[in-house]
Amino acid sequence: VCEKKFKTPTFLNQHYAGGHFRSNIMEDYADDCKKKKCSQCGATFAGVNPLVVHLGATHRIVLKYLEKENLPCPTQGPPRGGGGGGGNAPEPSPAPNPFLAKLISDKLAEADL
């Protein structure tokens, strides 16, 4: 997406959310932005920007935009907060990378484990 470097995947996702995919998140989570409240975990925010960064990094919403554009996804732990629906968030995955999770799932299915 850009050449900037970050110390952690979380910082990188915050950058993606607040910059590169800000308008995507604001469009897909318009109700959340209007209410300044996260539909994933119920957290409230004083402004839209902190909410967008929260959605993108904490709940890893940026990963779906990276995937759509065939860009590499940063590796980190599973998303935090309730996966209680709302928005177009990907389902939480126990694997750090959704591509890896699918690969593992497919291989296990093939092996009939």
N, C-alpha and C. Protein backbone atom coordinates (compact mmCIF):
# COMPACT_ATOMS: atom_id res chain seq x y z
N VAL A 1 0.84 -1.19 0.00
CA VAL A 1 0.00 0.00 0.00
C VAL A 1 0.89 1.25 0.00
N CYS A 2 1.86 1.28 0.90
CA CYS A 2 2.83 2.37 0.92
C CYS A 2 4.13 1.85 1.51
N GLU A 3 5.12 2.68 1.54
CA GLU A 3 6.45 2.25 1.98
C GLU A 3 6.72 2.48 3.47
N LYS A 4 5.74 2.98 4.21
CA LYS A 4 5.96 3.26 5.64
C LYS A 4 6.17 1.96 6.41
N LYS A 5 7.02 2.02 7.42
CA LYS A 5 7.34 0.88 8.27
C LYS A 5 6.82 1.14 9.67
N PHE A 6 6.34 0.08 10.34
CA PHE A 6 5.81 0.19 11.69
C PHE A 6 6.38 -0.92 12.55
N LYS A 7 6.47 -0.66 13.86
CA LYS A 7 7.07 -1.62 14.79
C LYS A 7 6.21 -2.85 15.00
N THR A 8 4.89 -2.69 14.91
CA THR A 8 4.00 -3.82 15.17
C THR A 8 2.91 -3.89 14.10
N PRO A 9 2.31 -5.07 13.91
CA PRO A 9 1.18 -5.19 12.98
C PRO A 9 0.00 -4.31 13.39
N THR A 10 -0.19 -4.12 14.68
CA THR A 10 -1.28 -3.27 15.15
C THR A 10 -1.08 -1.83 14.69
N PHE A 11 0.13 -1.31 14.84
CA PHE A 11 0.41 0.06 14.38
C PHE A 11 0.20 0.17 12.88
N LEU A 12 0.60 -0.85 12.14
CA LEU A 12 0.40 -0.85 10.70
C LEU A 12 -1.09 -0.85 10.36
N ASN A 13 -1.87 -1.68 11.05
CA ASN A 13 -3.31 -1.71 10.81
C ASN A 13 -3.97 -0.38 11.18
N GLN A 14 -3.49 0.27 12.23
CA GLN A 14 -4.02 1.58 12.59
C GLN A 14 -3.75 2.58 11.48
N HIS A 15 -2.56 2.51 10.90
CA HIS A 15 -2.22 3.38 9.78
C HIS A 15 -3.13 3.09 8.58
N TYR A 16 -3.30 1.82 8.25
CA TYR A 16 -4.19 1.46 7.14
C TYR A 16 -5.60 1.98 7.38
N ALA A 17 -6.11 1.79 8.60
CA ALA A 17 -7.48 2.18 8.91
C ALA A 17 -7.68 3.69 8.86
N GLY A 18 -6.76 4.43 9.46
CA GLY A 18 -6.89 5.88 9.52
C GLY A 18 -6.51 6.60 8.25
N GLY A 19 -5.85 5.90 7.36
CA GLY A 19 -5.38 6.53 6.12
C GLY A 19 -5.93 5.87 4.88
N HIS A 20 -5.33 4.76 4.50
CA HIS A 20 -5.62 4.12 3.22
C HIS A 20 -7.05 3.61 3.08
N PHE A 21 -7.64 3.09 4.16
CA PHE A 21 -8.98 2.49 4.06
C PHE A 21 -10.02 3.24 4.89
N ARG A 22 -9.70 4.47 5.25
CA ARG A 22 -10.62 5.27 6.08
C ARG A 22 -11.99 5.41 5.42
N SER A 23 -12.02 5.79 4.14
CA SER A 23 -13.31 6.01 3.47
C SER A 23 -14.08 4.70 3.31
N ASN A 24 -13.37 3.58 3.09
CA ASN A 24 -14.04 2.29 2.99
C ASN A 24 -14.73 1.93 4.29
N ILE A 25 -14.00 2.10 5.40
CA ILE A 25 -14.56 1.77 6.71
C ILE A 25 -15.73 2.69 7.02
N MET A 26 -15.58 3.98 6.73
CA MET A 26 -16.66 4.93 7.01
C MET A 26 -17.91 4.59 6.19
N GLU A 27 -17.73 4.12 4.97
CA GLU A 27 -18.87 3.76 4.14
C GLU A 27 -19.52 2.46 4.62
N ASP A 28 -18.69 1.44 4.89
CA ASP A 28 -19.23 0.14 5.31
C ASP A 28 -19.79 0.15 6.72
N TYR A 29 -19.33 1.08 7.54
CA TYR A 29 -19.78 1.18 8.94
C TYR A 29 -20.39 2.55 9.20
N ALA A 30 -21.20 3.00 8.25
CA ALA A 30 -21.81 4.34 8.33
C ALA A 30 -22.66 4.51 9.59
N ASP A 31 -23.42 3.48 9.96
CA ASP A 31 -24.25 3.57 11.18
C ASP A 31 -23.38 3.73 12.42
N ASP A 32 -22.29 2.97 12.48
CA ASP A 32 -21.37 3.09 13.61
C ASP A 32 -20.80 4.51 13.67
N CYS A 33 -20.40 5.03 12.50
CA CYS A 33 -19.81 6.37 12.45
C CYS A 33 -20.81 7.43 12.87
N LYS A 34 -22.05 7.26 12.46
CA LYS A 34 -23.09 8.23 12.84
C LYS A 34 -23.30 8.24 14.35
N LYS A 35 -23.30 7.04 14.94
CA LYS A 35 -23.53 6.90 16.38
C LYS A 35 -22.25 7.05 17.20
N LYS A 36 -21.07 6.99 16.51
CA LYS A 36 -19.77 7.01 17.18
C LYS A 36 -19.69 5.87 18.20
N LYS A 37 -20.22 4.72 17.77
CA LYS A 37 -20.26 3.54 18.63
C LYS A 37 -19.93 2.31 17.81
N CYS A 38 -19.04 1.47 18.32
CA CYS A 38 -18.63 0.26 17.64
C CYS A 38 -19.70 -0.82 17.77
N SER A 39 -20.18 -1.31 16.63
CA SER A 39 -21.19 -2.36 16.64
C SER A 39 -20.59 -3.72 17.00
N GLN A 40 -19.28 -3.83 16.99
CA GLN A 40 -18.61 -5.09 17.30
C GLN A 40 -18.49 -5.33 18.81
N CYS A 41 -18.20 -4.27 19.57
CA CYS A 41 -17.95 -4.45 21.00
C CYS A 41 -18.70 -3.44 21.88
N GLY A 42 -19.36 -2.45 21.27
CA GLY A 42 -20.12 -1.49 22.04
C GLY A 42 -19.35 -0.28 22.55
N ALA A 43 -18.05 -0.20 22.25
CA ALA A 43 -17.26 0.95 22.70
C ALA A 43 -17.76 2.22 22.03
N THR A 44 -17.74 3.33 22.77
CA THR A 44 -18.16 4.62 22.22
C THR A 44 -16.94 5.53 22.09
N PHE A 45 -17.04 6.50 21.16
CA PHE A 45 -15.91 7.35 20.84
C PHE A 45 -16.35 8.80 20.74
N ALA A 46 -15.43 9.69 21.05
CA ALA A 46 -15.71 11.12 20.97
C ALA A 46 -15.78 11.61 19.53
N GLY A 47 -15.12 10.91 18.63
CA GLY A 47 -15.10 11.31 17.23
C GLY A 47 -15.09 10.12 16.30
N VAL A 48 -15.27 10.38 15.02
CA VAL A 48 -15.31 9.33 14.01
C VAL A 48 -13.91 8.73 13.78
N ASN A 49 -12.88 9.57 13.73
CA ASN A 49 -11.53 9.06 13.44
C ASN A 49 -11.07 7.98 14.42
N PRO A 50 -11.20 8.19 15.73
CA PRO A 50 -10.79 7.12 16.65
C PRO A 50 -11.62 5.84 16.45
N LEU A 51 -12.90 5.99 16.12
CA LEU A 51 -13.74 4.82 15.87
C LEU A 51 -13.24 4.06 14.63
N VAL A 52 -12.93 4.77 13.57
CA VAL A 52 -12.45 4.14 12.34
C VAL A 52 -11.15 3.38 12.59
N VAL A 53 -10.24 3.99 13.33
CA VAL A 53 -8.97 3.33 13.65
C VAL A 53 -9.24 2.10 14.53
N HIS A 54 -10.14 2.24 15.49
CA HIS A 54 -10.52 1.13 16.36
C HIS A 54 -11.07 -0.03 15.53
N LEU A 55 -12.04 0.24 14.67
CA LEU A 55 -12.63 -0.81 13.84
C LEU A 55 -11.58 -1.48 12.97
N GLY A 56 -10.76 -0.67 12.34
CA GLY A 56 -9.77 -1.19 11.42
C GLY A 56 -8.70 -2.03 12.07
N ALA A 57 -8.22 -1.62 13.24
CA ALA A 57 -7.11 -2.30 13.90
C ALA A 57 -7.57 -3.32 14.94
N THR A 58 -8.40 -2.91 15.88
CA THR A 58 -8.82 -3.80 16.95
C THR A 58 -9.62 -4.98 16.42
N HIS A 59 -10.54 -4.70 15.50
CA HIS A 59 -11.38 -5.76 14.95
C HIS A 59 -10.87 -6.24 13.58
N ARG A 60 -9.72 -5.70 13.18
CA ARG A 60 -9.00 -6.11 11.98
C ARG A 60 -9.83 -6.02 10.70
N ILE A 61 -10.66 -5.00 10.61
CA ILE A 61 -11.48 -4.77 9.43
C ILE A 61 -10.59 -4.50 8.21
N VAL A 62 -9.43 -3.90 8.42
CA VAL A 62 -8.55 -3.59 7.29
C VAL A 62 -8.16 -4.83 6.51
N LEU A 63 -8.16 -5.99 7.16
CA LEU A 63 -7.74 -7.22 6.47
C LEU A 63 -8.62 -7.54 5.28
N LYS A 64 -9.92 -7.27 5.39
CA LYS A 64 -10.78 -7.58 4.25
C LYS A 64 -10.48 -6.67 3.06
N TYR A 65 -10.08 -5.44 3.31
CA TYR A 65 -9.74 -4.53 2.21
C TYR A 65 -8.40 -4.93 1.59
N LEU A 66 -7.45 -5.33 2.44
CA LEU A 66 -6.17 -5.81 1.93
C LEU A 66 -6.37 -7.05 1.07
N GLU A 67 -7.22 -7.95 1.55
CA GLU A 67 -7.50 -9.18 0.82
C GLU A 67 -8.14 -8.88 -0.54
N LYS A 68 -9.11 -7.95 -0.55
CA LYS A 68 -9.77 -7.57 -1.81
C LYS A 68 -8.78 -7.05 -2.84
N GLU A 69 -7.74 -6.37 -2.38
CA GLU A 69 -6.75 -5.79 -3.28
C GLU A 69 -5.52 -6.68 -3.45
N ASN A 70 -5.63 -7.93 -2.96
CA ASN A 70 -4.52 -8.89 -3.05
C ASN A 70 -3.22 -8.33 -2.47
N LEU A 71 -3.33 -7.66 -1.35
CA LEU A 71 -2.17 -7.11 -0.65
C LEU A 71 -1.85 -7.98 0.55
N PRO A 72 -0.59 -8.06 0.96
CA PRO A 72 -0.24 -8.90 2.11
C PRO A 72 -0.88 -8.38 3.40
N CYS A 73 -1.29 -9.32 4.23
CA CYS A 73 -1.91 -8.97 5.52
C CYS A 73 -0.87 -9.09 6.62
N PRO A 74 -0.81 -8.08 7.51
CA PRO A 74 0.11 -8.19 8.65
C PRO A 74 -0.32 -9.33 9.56
N THR A 75 0.63 -9.96 10.20
CA THR A 75 0.34 -11.08 11.09
C THR A 75 0.23 -10.56 12.51
N GLN A 76 -0.81 -10.99 13.19
CA GLN A 76 -1.01 -10.64 14.60
C GLN A 76 -2.01 -11.61 15.18
N GLY A 77 -2.29 -11.47 16.46
CA GLY A 77 -3.23 -12.36 17.13
C GLY A 77 -4.64 -12.19 16.61
N PRO A 78 -5.57 -12.99 17.15
CA PRO A 78 -6.95 -12.92 16.70
C PRO A 78 -7.58 -11.58 17.04
N PRO A 79 -8.64 -11.19 16.32
CA PRO A 79 -9.31 -9.92 16.60
C PRO A 79 -9.89 -9.92 18.01
N ARG A 80 -10.01 -8.73 18.58
CA ARG A 80 -10.56 -8.60 19.92
C ARG A 80 -12.01 -8.15 19.85
N GLY A 81 -12.71 -8.38 20.90
CA GLY A 81 -14.07 -7.87 21.01
C GLY A 81 -15.08 -8.87 20.49
N GLY A 82 -16.34 -8.58 20.80
CA GLY A 82 -17.41 -9.46 20.39
C GLY A 82 -17.58 -9.47 18.89
N GLY A 83 -17.79 -10.62 18.34
CA GLY A 83 -18.11 -10.74 16.92
C GLY A 83 -19.61 -10.72 16.75
N GLY A 84 -20.28 -9.86 17.49
CA GLY A 84 -21.73 -9.84 17.54
C GLY A 84 -22.40 -9.29 16.31
N GLY A 85 -21.79 -9.35 15.17
CA GLY A 85 -22.44 -8.91 13.93
C GLY A 85 -22.32 -7.42 13.75
N GLY A 86 -23.03 -6.93 12.78
CA GLY A 86 -22.97 -5.51 12.45
C GLY A 86 -21.86 -5.24 11.47
N GLY A 87 -22.09 -4.35 10.57
CA GLY A 87 -21.08 -4.02 9.57
C GLY A 87 -20.77 -5.21 8.69
N ASN A 88 -19.68 -5.13 7.99
CA ASN A 88 -19.27 -6.20 7.09
C ASN A 88 -17.97 -6.81 7.55
N ALA A 89 -17.79 -6.95 8.83
CA ALA A 89 -16.54 -7.44 9.38
C ALA A 89 -16.35 -8.91 9.07
N PRO A 90 -15.10 -9.33 8.83
CA PRO A 90 -14.86 -10.75 8.65
C PRO A 90 -15.05 -11.48 9.97
N GLU A 91 -15.37 -12.76 9.89
CA GLU A 91 -15.53 -13.56 11.10
C GLU A 91 -14.19 -13.66 11.81
N PRO A 92 -14.17 -13.58 13.14
CA PRO A 92 -12.92 -13.74 13.86
C PRO A 92 -12.30 -15.10 13.58
N SER A 93 -11.01 -15.15 13.46
CA SER A 93 -10.30 -16.37 13.15
C SER A 93 -9.30 -16.66 14.25
N PRO A 94 -9.17 -17.93 14.66
CA PRO A 94 -8.19 -18.24 15.70
C PRO A 94 -6.76 -18.15 15.18
N ALA A 95 -6.57 -18.19 13.87
CA ALA A 95 -5.23 -18.08 13.29
C ALA A 95 -4.89 -16.62 13.08
N PRO A 96 -3.61 -16.25 13.16
CA PRO A 96 -3.22 -14.86 13.01
C PRO A 96 -3.46 -14.32 11.61
N ASN A 97 -3.59 -15.18 10.62
CA ASN A 97 -3.74 -14.74 9.25
C ASN A 97 -4.90 -15.49 8.62
N PRO A 98 -5.90 -14.78 8.07
CA PRO A 98 -7.06 -15.47 7.51
C PRO A 98 -6.70 -16.39 6.34
N PHE A 99 -5.68 -16.04 5.58
CA PHE A 99 -5.26 -16.92 4.48
C PHE A 99 -4.72 -18.23 5.03
N LEU A 100 -3.93 -18.15 6.10
CA LEU A 100 -3.38 -19.33 6.74
C LEU A 100 -4.50 -20.17 7.36
N ALA A 101 -5.46 -19.54 7.97
CA ALA A 101 -6.58 -20.26 8.57
C ALA A 101 -7.33 -21.08 7.52
N LYS A 102 -7.58 -20.49 6.35
CA LYS A 102 -8.28 -21.20 5.28
C LYS A 102 -7.44 -22.36 4.77
N LEU A 103 -6.15 -22.13 4.59
CA LEU A 103 -5.26 -23.18 4.12
C LEU A 103 -5.26 -24.36 5.09
N ILE A 104 -5.15 -24.09 6.37
CA ILE A 104 -5.15 -25.13 7.38
C ILE A 104 -6.48 -25.87 7.36
N SER A 105 -7.57 -25.11 7.31
CA SER A 105 -8.89 -25.71 7.28
C SER A 105 -9.07 -26.64 6.08
N ASP A 106 -8.64 -26.17 4.90
CA ASP A 106 -8.73 -26.97 3.68
C ASP A 106 -7.90 -28.24 3.79
N LYS A 107 -6.68 -28.12 4.32
CA LYS A 107 -5.80 -29.30 4.46
C LYS A 107 -6.38 -30.30 5.45
N LEU A 108 -6.94 -29.84 6.54
CA LEU A 108 -7.56 -30.74 7.51
C LEU A 108 -8.75 -31.45 6.91
N ALA A 109 -9.54 -30.73 6.12
CA ALA A 109 -10.71 -31.34 5.46
C ALA A 109 -10.27 -32.41 4.47
N GLU A 110 -9.19 -32.13 3.73
CA GLU A 110 -8.65 -33.09 2.78
C GLU A 110 -8.17 -34.36 3.50
N ALA A 111 -7.55 -34.18 4.67
CA ALA A 111 -7.00 -35.29 5.43
C ALA A 111 -8.09 -36.01 6.22
N ASP A 112 -9.32 -35.45 6.22
CA ASP A 112 -10.46 -36.00 6.94
C ASP A 112 -10.15 -36.17 8.42
N LEU A 113 -9.56 -35.10 9.02
CA LEU A 113 -9.22 -35.12 10.46
C LEU A 113 -10.33 -34.51 11.26
